[in-house]
C-alpha atoms as a PDB file:
ATOM      1  CA  SER A   1      22.622 -11.671   5.382  1.00  0.00           C
ATOM      2  CA  ARG A   2      22.140 -14.596   2.987  1.00  0.00           C
ATOM      3  CA  GLN A   3      24.677 -13.109   0.565  1.00  0.00           C
ATOM      4  CA  ILE A   4      27.254 -12.722   3.354  1.00  0.00           C
ATOM      5  CA  GLN A   5      26.629 -16.314   4.437  1.00  0.00           C
ATOM      6  CA  ASP A   6      27.055 -17.603   0.868  1.00  0.00           C
ATOM      7  CA  THR A   7      30.280 -15.616   0.472  1.00  0.00           C
ATOM      8  CA  GLU A   8      31.660 -17.020   3.708  1.00  0.00           C
ATOM      9  CA  GLU A   9      30.792 -20.579   2.697  1.00  0.00           C
ATOM     10  CA  THR A  10      32.478 -20.043  -0.684  1.00  0.00           C
ATOM     11  CA  ARG A  11      35.582 -18.685   1.044  1.00  0.00           C
ATOM     12  CA  LYS A  12      35.758 -21.651   3.431  1.00  0.00           C
ATOM     13  CA  ALA A  13      35.306 -24.133   0.569  1.00  0.00           C
ATOM     14  CA  PHE A  14      38.032 -22.409  -1.451  1.00  0.00           C
ATOM     15  CA  ILE A  15      40.513 -22.497   1.457  1.00  0.00           C
ATOM     16  CA  ALA A  16      39.711 -26.143   2.164  1.00  0.00           C
ATOM     17  CA  ASN A  17      40.170 -27.106  -1.487  1.00  0.00           C
ATOM     18  CA  LEU A  18      43.371 -25.088  -1.811  1.00  0.00           C
ATOM     19  CA  SER A  19      44.793 -26.674   1.355  1.00  0.00           C
ATOM     20  CA  HIS A  20      44.035 -30.132  -0.002  1.00  0.00           C
ATOM     21  CA  GLU A  21      45.588 -29.410  -3.405  1.00  0.00           C
ATOM     22  CA  LEU A  22      48.758 -28.027  -1.794  1.00  0.00           C
ATOM     23  CA  ARG A  23      49.073 -30.685   0.901  1.00  0.00           C
ATOM     24  CA  SER A  24      49.100 -33.669  -1.437  1.00  0.00           C
ATOM     25  CA  PRO A  25      52.240 -32.835  -3.482  1.00  0.00           C
ATOM     26  CA  MET A  26      54.009 -31.296  -0.480  1.00  0.00           C
ATOM     27  CA  THR A  27      53.457 -34.443   1.589  1.00  0.00           C
ATOM     28  CA  SER A  28      54.749 -36.563  -1.279  1.00  0.00           C
ATOM     29  CA  ILE A  29      57.868 -34.417  -1.732  1.00  0.00           C
ATOM     30  CA  GLN A  30      58.597 -34.389   1.985  1.00  0.00           C
ATOM     31  CA  GLY A  31      58.287 -38.162   2.265  1.00  0.00           C
ATOM     32  CA  PHE A  32      60.566 -38.928  -0.666  1.00  0.00           C
ATOM     33  CA  VAL A  33      63.221 -36.356   0.310  1.00  0.00           C
ATOM     34  CA  GLN A  34      63.230 -37.698   3.879  1.00  0.00           C
ATOM     35  CA  GLY A  35      63.748 -41.194   2.510  1.00  0.00           C
ATOM     36  CA  LEU A  36      66.728 -40.019   0.467  1.00  0.00           C
ATOM     37  CA  LEU A  37      68.263 -38.263   3.480  1.00  0.00           C
ATOM     38  CA  ASP A  38      67.741 -41.313   5.703  1.00  0.00           C
ATOM     39  CA  ASP A  39      69.320 -43.615   3.088  1.00  0.00           C
ATOM     40  CA  THR A  40      66.216 -45.810   3.120  1.00  0.00           C
ATOM     41  CA  VAL A  41      65.943 -45.546  -0.674  1.00  0.00           C
ATOM     42  CA  LYS A  42      68.016 -48.021  -2.667  1.00  0.00           C
ATOM     43  CA  PRO A  43      70.634 -46.388  -4.936  1.00  0.00           C
ATOM     44  CA  GLU A  44      69.030 -47.920  -8.026  1.00  0.00           C
ATOM     45  CA  ASP A  45      65.690 -46.304  -7.083  1.00  0.00           C
ATOM     46  CA  GLN A  46      67.012 -42.803  -6.439  1.00  0.00           C
ATOM     47  CA  LYS A  47      66.569 -41.503  -9.985  1.00  0.00           C
ATOM     48  CA  GLN A  48      62.970 -42.697 -10.073  1.00  0.00           C
ATOM     49  CA  ILE A  49      62.301 -40.997  -6.722  1.00  0.00           C
ATOM     50  CA  LEU A  50      63.855 -37.760  -7.972  1.00  0.00           C
ATOM     51  CA  ARG A  51      61.655 -37.895 -11.084  1.00  0.00           C
ATOM     52  CA  ILE A  52      58.593 -38.177  -8.859  1.00  0.00           C
ATOM     53  CA  VAL A  53      59.768 -35.228  -6.749  1.00  0.00           C
ATOM     54  CA  LEU A  54      60.377 -33.203  -9.927  1.00  0.00           C
ATOM     55  CA  ASN A  55      56.884 -33.986 -11.203  1.00  0.00           C
ATOM     56  CA  GLU A  56      55.359 -32.963  -7.889  1.00  0.00           C
ATOM     57  CA  THR A  57      57.224 -29.634  -7.925  1.00  0.00           C
ATOM     58  CA  LYS A  58      55.934 -29.071 -11.459  1.00  0.00           C
ATOM     59  CA  ARG A  59      52.438 -29.830 -10.200  1.00  0.00           C
ATOM     60  CA  LEU A  60      52.842 -27.211  -7.468  1.00  0.00           C
ATOM     61  CA  GLY A  61      54.113 -24.726 -10.044  1.00  0.00           C
ATOM     62  CA  GLN A  62      51.084 -25.363 -12.265  1.00  0.00           C
ATOM     63  CA  LEU A  63      48.788 -24.862  -9.297  1.00  0.00           C
ATOM     64  CA  VAL A  64      50.355 -21.528  -8.340  1.00  0.00           C
ATOM     65  CA  SER A  65      50.378 -20.390 -11.967  1.00  0.00           C
ATOM     66  CA  GLY A  66      46.730 -21.375 -12.320  1.00  0.00           C
ATOM     67  CA  LEU A  67      45.760 -19.462  -9.186  1.00  0.00           C
ATOM     68  CA  LEU A  68      47.536 -16.332 -10.454  1.00  0.00           C
ATOM     69  CA  THR A  69      45.828 -16.629 -13.839  1.00  0.00           C
ATOM     70  CA  LEU A  70      42.439 -17.124 -12.178  1.00  0.00           C
ATOM     71  CA  SER A  71      43.049 -14.116  -9.924  1.00  0.00           C
ATOM     72  CA  ARG A  72      43.809 -11.936 -12.947  1.00  0.00           C
ATOM     73  CA  ALA A  73      40.755 -13.258 -14.781  1.00  0.00           C
ATOM     74  CA  GLU A  74      38.513 -12.409 -11.827  1.00  0.00           C
ATOM     75  CA  ALA A  75      40.008  -8.940 -11.319  1.00  0.00           C
ATOM     76  CA  GLN A  76      37.744  -6.170 -12.579  1.00  0.00           C
ATOM     77  CA  GLU A  77      39.988  -3.171 -11.937  1.00  0.00           C
ATOM     78  CA  LYS A  78      41.443  -2.798 -15.442  1.00  0.00           C
ATOM     79  CA  PRO A  79      39.216  -2.810 -18.533  1.00  0.00           C
ATOM     80  CA  LEU A  80      40.022  -5.358 -21.193  1.00  0.00           C
ATOM     81  CA  ALA A  81      42.212  -4.101 -24.045  1.00  0.00           C
ATOM     82  CA  LEU A  82      40.053  -5.225 -26.973  1.00  0.00           C
ATOM     83  CA  ALA A  83      41.432  -5.570 -30.483  1.00  0.00           C
ATOM     84  CA  PRO A  84      40.452  -7.556 -33.591  1.00  0.00           C
ATOM     85  CA  PHE A  85      42.417 -10.742 -34.288  1.00  0.00           C
ATOM     86  CA  ASN A  86      42.162 -13.776 -36.549  1.00  0.00           C
ATOM     87  CA  LEU A  87      40.450 -16.385 -34.400  1.00  0.00           C
ATOM     88  CA  CYS A  88      41.135 -19.246 -36.834  1.00  0.00           C
ATOM     89  CA  GLU A  89      44.852 -18.460 -36.912  1.00  0.00           C
ATOM     90  CA  LEU A  90      44.924 -18.367 -33.110  1.00  0.00           C
ATOM     91  CA  ILE A  91      43.329 -21.818 -32.938  1.00  0.00           C
ATOM     92  CA  ARG A  92      45.980 -23.201 -35.309  1.00  0.00           C
ATOM     93  CA  LEU A  93      48.743 -21.753 -33.136  1.00  0.00           C
ATOM     94  CA  VAL A  94      47.200 -23.272 -30.006  1.00  0.00           C
ATOM     95  CA  LEU A  95      47.033 -26.669 -31.717  1.00  0.00           C
ATOM     96  CA  ILE A  96      50.737 -26.433 -32.559  1.00  0.00           C
ATOM     97  CA  THR A  97      51.567 -25.966 -28.856  1.00  0.00           C
ATOM     98  CA  ARG A  98      49.774 -29.237 -28.065  1.00  0.00           C
ATOM     99  CA  ILE A  99      51.194 -31.385 -30.872  1.00  0.00           C
ATOM    100  CA  GLN A 100      53.195 -33.576 -28.486  1.00  0.00           C
ATOM    101  CA  GLN A 101      50.234 -34.385 -26.225  1.00  0.00           C
ATOM    102  CA  LEU A 102      48.021 -35.115 -29.220  1.00  0.00           C
ATOM    103  CA  GLU A 103      50.598 -37.408 -30.814  1.00  0.00           C
ATOM    104  CA  GLU A 104      51.265 -39.241 -27.542  1.00  0.00           C
ATOM    105  CA  LYS A 105      47.595 -40.244 -27.375  1.00  0.00           C
ATOM    106  CA  ASN A 106      47.237 -40.594 -31.145  1.00  0.00           C
ATOM    107  CA  ILE A 107      44.298 -38.175 -31.135  1.00  0.00           C
ATOM    108  CA  GLN A 108      42.924 -37.005 -34.458  1.00  0.00           C
ATOM    109  CA  VAL A 109      42.076 -33.295 -34.653  1.00  0.00           C
ATOM    110  CA  VAL A 110      39.569 -31.986 -37.181  1.00  0.00           C
ATOM    111  CA  THR A 111      39.026 -28.258 -37.754  1.00  0.00           C
ATOM    112  CA  ALA A 112      36.060 -26.690 -39.528  1.00  0.00           C
ATOM    113  CA  PHE A 113      36.022 -22.927 -40.108  1.00  0.00           C
ATOM    114  CA  ASP A 114      33.382 -21.048 -42.089  1.00  0.00           C
ATOM    115  CA  ARG A 115      36.292 -18.986 -43.446  1.00  0.00           C
ATOM    116  CA  ASP A 116      40.037 -18.955 -42.859  1.00  0.00           C
ATOM    117  CA  ASP A 117      40.158 -15.292 -41.833  1.00  0.00           C
ATOM    118  CA  MET A 118      37.388 -14.939 -39.257  1.00  0.00           C
ATOM    119  CA  HIS A 119      38.213 -12.033 -36.940  1.00  0.00           C
ATOM    120  CA  ALA A 120      36.978 -11.709 -33.367  1.00  0.00           C
ATOM    121  CA  LEU A 121      37.104  -8.704 -31.051  1.00  0.00           C
ATOM    122  CA  GLY A 122      38.654  -9.408 -27.671  1.00  0.00           C
ATOM    123  CA  ALA A 123      41.769  -9.616 -25.539  1.00  0.00           C
ATOM    124  CA  ARG A 124      43.771 -11.991 -27.731  1.00  0.00           C
ATOM    125  CA  ASP A 125      46.042 -13.417 -25.021  1.00  0.00           C
ATOM    126  CA  GLN A 126      43.085 -14.153 -22.744  1.00  0.00           C
ATOM    127  CA  VAL A 127      41.044 -15.760 -25.519  1.00  0.00           C
ATOM    128  CA  GLU A 128      44.133 -17.869 -26.241  1.00  0.00           C
ATOM    129  CA  GLN A 129      44.066 -19.025 -22.604  1.00  0.00           C
ATOM    130  CA  VAL A 130      40.421 -20.061 -23.000  1.00  0.00           C
ATOM    131  CA  LEU A 131      41.255 -22.083 -26.112  1.00  0.00           C
ATOM    132  CA  ILE A 132      44.257 -23.719 -24.423  1.00  0.00           C
ATOM    133  CA  ASN A 133      42.226 -24.716 -21.379  1.00  0.00           C
ATOM    134  CA  LEU A 134      39.347 -26.116 -23.419  1.00  0.00           C
ATOM    135  CA  LEU A 135      41.762 -28.064 -25.629  1.00  0.00           C
ATOM    136  CA  ASP A 136      43.723 -29.385 -22.632  1.00  0.00           C
ATOM    137  CA  ASN A 137      40.461 -30.530 -21.057  1.00  0.00           C
ATOM    138  CA  ALA A 138      39.466 -32.296 -24.278  1.00  0.00           C
ATOM    139  CA  ILE A 139      42.860 -34.013 -24.548  1.00  0.00           C
ATOM    140  CA  ARG A 140      42.652 -35.170 -20.927  1.00  0.00           C
ATOM    141  CA  PHE A 141      39.280 -36.851 -21.389  1.00  0.00           C
ATOM    142  CA  THR A 142      39.708 -38.168 -24.932  1.00  0.00           C
ATOM    143  CA  PRO A 143      40.832 -41.808 -25.042  1.00  0.00           C
ATOM    144  CA  ALA A 144      43.902 -42.874 -27.000  1.00  0.00           C
ATOM    145  CA  GLY A 145      43.061 -42.995 -30.690  1.00  0.00           C
ATOM    146  CA  GLY A 146      40.127 -40.648 -30.142  1.00  0.00           C
ATOM    147  CA  ARG A 147      39.018 -37.533 -31.965  1.00  0.00           C
ATOM    148  CA  ILE A 148      38.704 -33.817 -31.183  1.00  0.00           C
ATOM    149  CA  SER A 149      36.921 -31.380 -33.461  1.00  0.00           C
ATOM    150  CA  ILE A 150      37.223 -27.594 -33.323  1.00  0.00           C
ATOM    151  CA  SER A 151      34.938 -25.368 -35.335  1.00  0.00           C
ATOM    152  CA  VAL A 152      34.291 -21.650 -35.790  1.00  0.00           C
ATOM    153  CA  GLN A 153      30.917 -20.574 -37.141  1.00  0.00           C
ATOM    154  CA  GLU A 154      29.553 -17.122 -37.817  1.00  0.00           C
ATOM    155  CA  GLN A 155      26.242 -16.369 -36.136  1.00  0.00           C
ATOM    156  CA  ASN A 156      24.202 -13.378 -37.363  1.00  0.00           C
ATOM    157  CA  LYS A 157      27.438 -11.638 -38.467  1.00  0.00           C
ATOM    158  CA  LYS A 158      27.867 -10.505 -34.863  1.00  0.00           C
ATOM    159  CA  THR A 159      29.185 -13.555 -33.053  1.00  0.00           C
ATOM    160  CA  LEU A 160      31.802 -16.198 -33.777  1.00  0.00           C
ATOM    161  CA  ALA A 161      30.871 -19.479 -32.091  1.00  0.00           C
ATOM    162  CA  VAL A 162      33.915 -21.567 -31.146  1.00  0.00           C
ATOM    163  CA  THR A 163      33.151 -25.221 -30.445  1.00  0.00           C
ATOM    164  CA  VAL A 164      35.523 -27.809 -28.983  1.00  0.00           C
ATOM    165  CA  LYS A 165      34.147 -31.354 -29.055  1.00  0.00           C
ATOM    166  CA  ASP A 166      35.714 -34.620 -27.907  1.00  0.00           C
ATOM    167  CA  ASN A 167      34.517 -38.204 -28.054  1.00  0.00           C
ATOM    168  CA  GLY A 168      35.569 -38.959 -24.502  1.00  0.00           C
ATOM    169  CA  LEU A 169      33.820 -40.112 -21.359  1.00  0.00           C
ATOM    170  CA  GLY A 170      31.274 -37.335 -21.151  1.00  0.00           C
ATOM    171  CA  ILE A 171      30.205 -35.541 -17.981  1.00  0.00           C
ATOM    172  CA  LEU A 172      28.374 -37.131 -15.096  1.00  0.00           C
ATOM    173  CA  PRO A 173      24.952 -35.512 -14.484  1.00  0.00           C
ATOM    174  CA  GLU A 174      25.965 -34.549 -10.939  1.00  0.00           C
ATOM    175  CA  ASP A 175      29.086 -32.809 -12.308  1.00  0.00           C
ATOM    176  CA  ALA A 176      27.380 -30.737 -14.998  1.00  0.00           C
ATOM    177  CA  GLY A 177      26.605 -27.706 -12.829  1.00  0.00           C
ATOM    178  CA  LYS A 178      29.979 -27.701 -11.053  1.00  0.00           C
ATOM    179  CA  ILE A 179      32.636 -28.114 -13.748  1.00  0.00           C
ATOM    180  CA  PHE A 180      33.426 -24.378 -13.801  1.00  0.00           C
ATOM    181  CA  ASP A 181      33.955 -24.250 -10.027  1.00  0.00           C
ATOM    182  CA  ARG A 182      37.498 -23.798  -8.732  1.00  0.00           C
ATOM    183  CA  PHE A 183      39.246 -27.092  -7.909  1.00  0.00           C
ATOM    184  CA  TYR A 184      36.233 -29.165  -8.907  1.00  0.00           C
ATOM    185  CA  LYS A 185      37.188 -32.454 -10.524  1.00  0.00           C
ATOM    186  CA  SER A 186      35.066 -35.113 -12.119  1.00  0.00           C
ATOM    187  CA  GLY A 187      33.914 -37.964  -9.948  1.00  0.00           C
ATOM    188  CA  LYS A 188      35.550 -40.326 -12.434  1.00  0.00           C
ATOM    189  CA  LYS A 189      39.010 -39.235 -11.163  1.00  0.00           C
ATOM    190  CA  THR A 190      40.415 -39.605 -14.673  1.00  0.00           C
ATOM    191  CA  ASN A 191      41.821 -36.070 -14.609  1.00  0.00           C
ATOM    192  CA  ALA A 192      43.797 -36.473 -11.405  1.00  0.00           C
ATOM    193  CA  GLU A 193      46.817 -34.830 -13.048  1.00  0.00           C
ATOM    194  CA  GLY A 194      44.870 -31.608 -13.558  1.00  0.00           C
ATOM    195  CA  THR A 195      44.682 -28.722 -11.097  1.00  0.00           C
ATOM    196  CA  GLY A 196      40.916 -28.291 -11.253  1.00  0.00           C
ATOM    197  CA  LEU A 197      41.385 -24.663 -12.350  1.00  0.00           C
ATOM    198  CA  GLY A 198      41.401 -24.855 -16.152  1.00  0.00           C
ATOM    199  CA  LEU A 199      37.660 -24.587 -16.761  1.00  0.00           C
ATOM    200  CA  ALA A 200      37.255 -22.081 -13.908  1.00  0.00           C
ATOM    201  CA  ILE A 201      39.800 -19.812 -15.613  1.00  0.00           C
ATOM    202  CA  ALA A 202      38.143 -20.255 -19.011  1.00  0.00           C
ATOM    203  CA  GLY A 203      34.746 -19.431 -17.513  1.00  0.00           C
ATOM    204  CA  GLN A 204      35.993 -16.253 -15.820  1.00  0.00           C
ATOM    205  CA  ILE A 205      37.747 -14.984 -18.957  1.00  0.00           C
ATOM    206  CA  ALA A 206      34.644 -15.667 -21.018  1.00  0.00           C
ATOM    207  CA  LYS A 207      32.530 -13.850 -18.429  1.00  0.00           C
ATOM    208  CA  ARG A 208      34.753 -10.761 -18.682  1.00  0.00           C
ATOM    209  CA  HIS A 209      34.122 -10.789 -22.443  1.00  0.00           C
ATOM    210  CA  GLY A 210      30.385 -10.981 -21.842  1.00  0.00           C
ATOM    211  CA  VAL A 211      30.412 -14.582 -23.055  1.00  0.00           C
ATOM    212  CA  THR A 212      28.946 -17.759 -21.585  1.00  0.00           C
ATOM    213  CA  ILE A 213      30.549 -21.135 -22.265  1.00  0.00           C
ATOM    214  CA  GLU A 214      27.788 -23.621 -22.986  1.00  0.00           C
ATOM    215  CA  VAL A 215      28.233 -27.339 -22.328  1.00  0.00           C
ATOM    216  CA  ASP A 216      26.581 -30.281 -24.042  1.00  0.00           C
ATOM    217  CA  SER A 217      27.500 -33.831 -23.109  1.00  0.00           C
ATOM    218  CA  SER A 218      26.341 -37.399 -23.442  1.00  0.00           C
ATOM    219  CA  LEU A 219      27.823 -39.781 -20.879  1.00  0.00           C
ATOM    220  CA  GLY A 220      30.212 -42.214 -22.516  1.00  0.00           C
ATOM    221  CA  GLU A 221      29.973 -40.516 -25.905  1.00  0.00           C
ATOM    222  CA  TYR A 222      31.062 -36.878 -26.146  1.00  0.00           C
ATOM    223  CA  THR A 223      31.418 -33.456 -24.536  1.00  0.00           C
ATOM    224  CA  THR A 224      31.069 -30.141 -26.357  1.00  0.00           C
ATOM    225  CA  PHE A 225      32.058 -26.676 -25.129  1.00  0.00           C
ATOM    226  CA  THR A 226      30.823 -23.670 -27.121  1.00  0.00           C
ATOM    227  CA  ALA A 227      31.712 -20.005 -26.595  1.00  0.00           C
ATOM    228  CA  GLY A 228      30.483 -17.145 -28.767  1.00  0.00           C
ATOM    229  CA  PHE A 229      32.953 -14.254 -29.025  1.00  0.00           C
ATOM    230  CA  PRO A 230      32.075 -10.887 -30.610  1.00  0.00           C
ATOM    231  CA  GLY A 231      32.888 -10.933 -34.314  1.00  0.00           C
ATOM    232  CA  LYS A 232      34.662  -8.293 -36.350  1.00  0.00           C
ATOM    233  CA  THR A 233      33.468  -8.107 -39.948  1.00  0.00           C
ATOM    234  CA  LYS A 234      36.659  -6.556 -41.302  1.00  0.00           C
ATOM    235  CA  PRO A 235      40.241  -7.564 -40.485  1.00  0.00           C
ATOM    236  CA  PRO A 236      42.324  -4.933 -38.666  1.00  0.00           C
ATOM    237  CA  SER A 237      44.200  -2.469 -40.866  1.00  0.00           C
ATOM    238  CA  GLN A 238      47.925  -1.983 -40.337  1.00  0.00           C
ATOM    239  CA  GLY A 239      48.729   0.574 -37.711  1.00  0.00           C
ATOM    240  CA  GLN A 240      45.243   0.417 -36.257  1.00  0.00           C
ATOM    241  CA  ASN A 241      45.180   1.185 -32.553  1.00  0.00           C
ATOM    242  CA  ALA A 242      43.387  -1.269 -30.324  1.00  0.00           C
ATOM    243  CA  PRO A 243      40.298   0.250 -28.718  1.00  0.00           C
ATOM    244  CA  GLN A 244      40.570   0.524 -24.950  1.00  0.00           C
END
């Protein structure tokens, strides 16, 4: 009975949060479009209004995309297609995709790998999503001119610990146990442009790999996320089939 009650409360909270996240951009779009149709917007302001509408539609698209990704991450029907891949190379590729955001905020990125060819065993595309979400979160909370460090360390030759650390605002104590919840956003409101799904997706993907993402933070100083993925001592040979 308690489990059913908890499930129902979770469902109600999810619907309420989803409704709120959808209503905000839709209300904004409706208001601006109505203003354009009613000719209450000055001609010189129309381009600015259209830019806002475009940004809001992008926000809706990101929300829908995030929900689909989260749904796939939570689905347990299909087993993960595990294969060895170079984790360090994957991190470099992810950094390349975020060059523009990093340069816009003048953020310095420092990488530290025990070796350049450290291979993990996992679903490469899903691990890439985890890295992207953790990096995006770090970029969002790192101040202009700040610093992000990403490291990969071998632990007991069985686990590769990936750490993403920023020197941003840190996490409020009351937020610490909720940051992996769907739609949860920090009380500081500094990540208003986010969907509140990034860390939830990362947490679910890690969970499917049997991994827990650990968080360490000091308010006003730094936040560190660490995930330990299964290591692979030897790189994959050519033509090797990925284990199912």
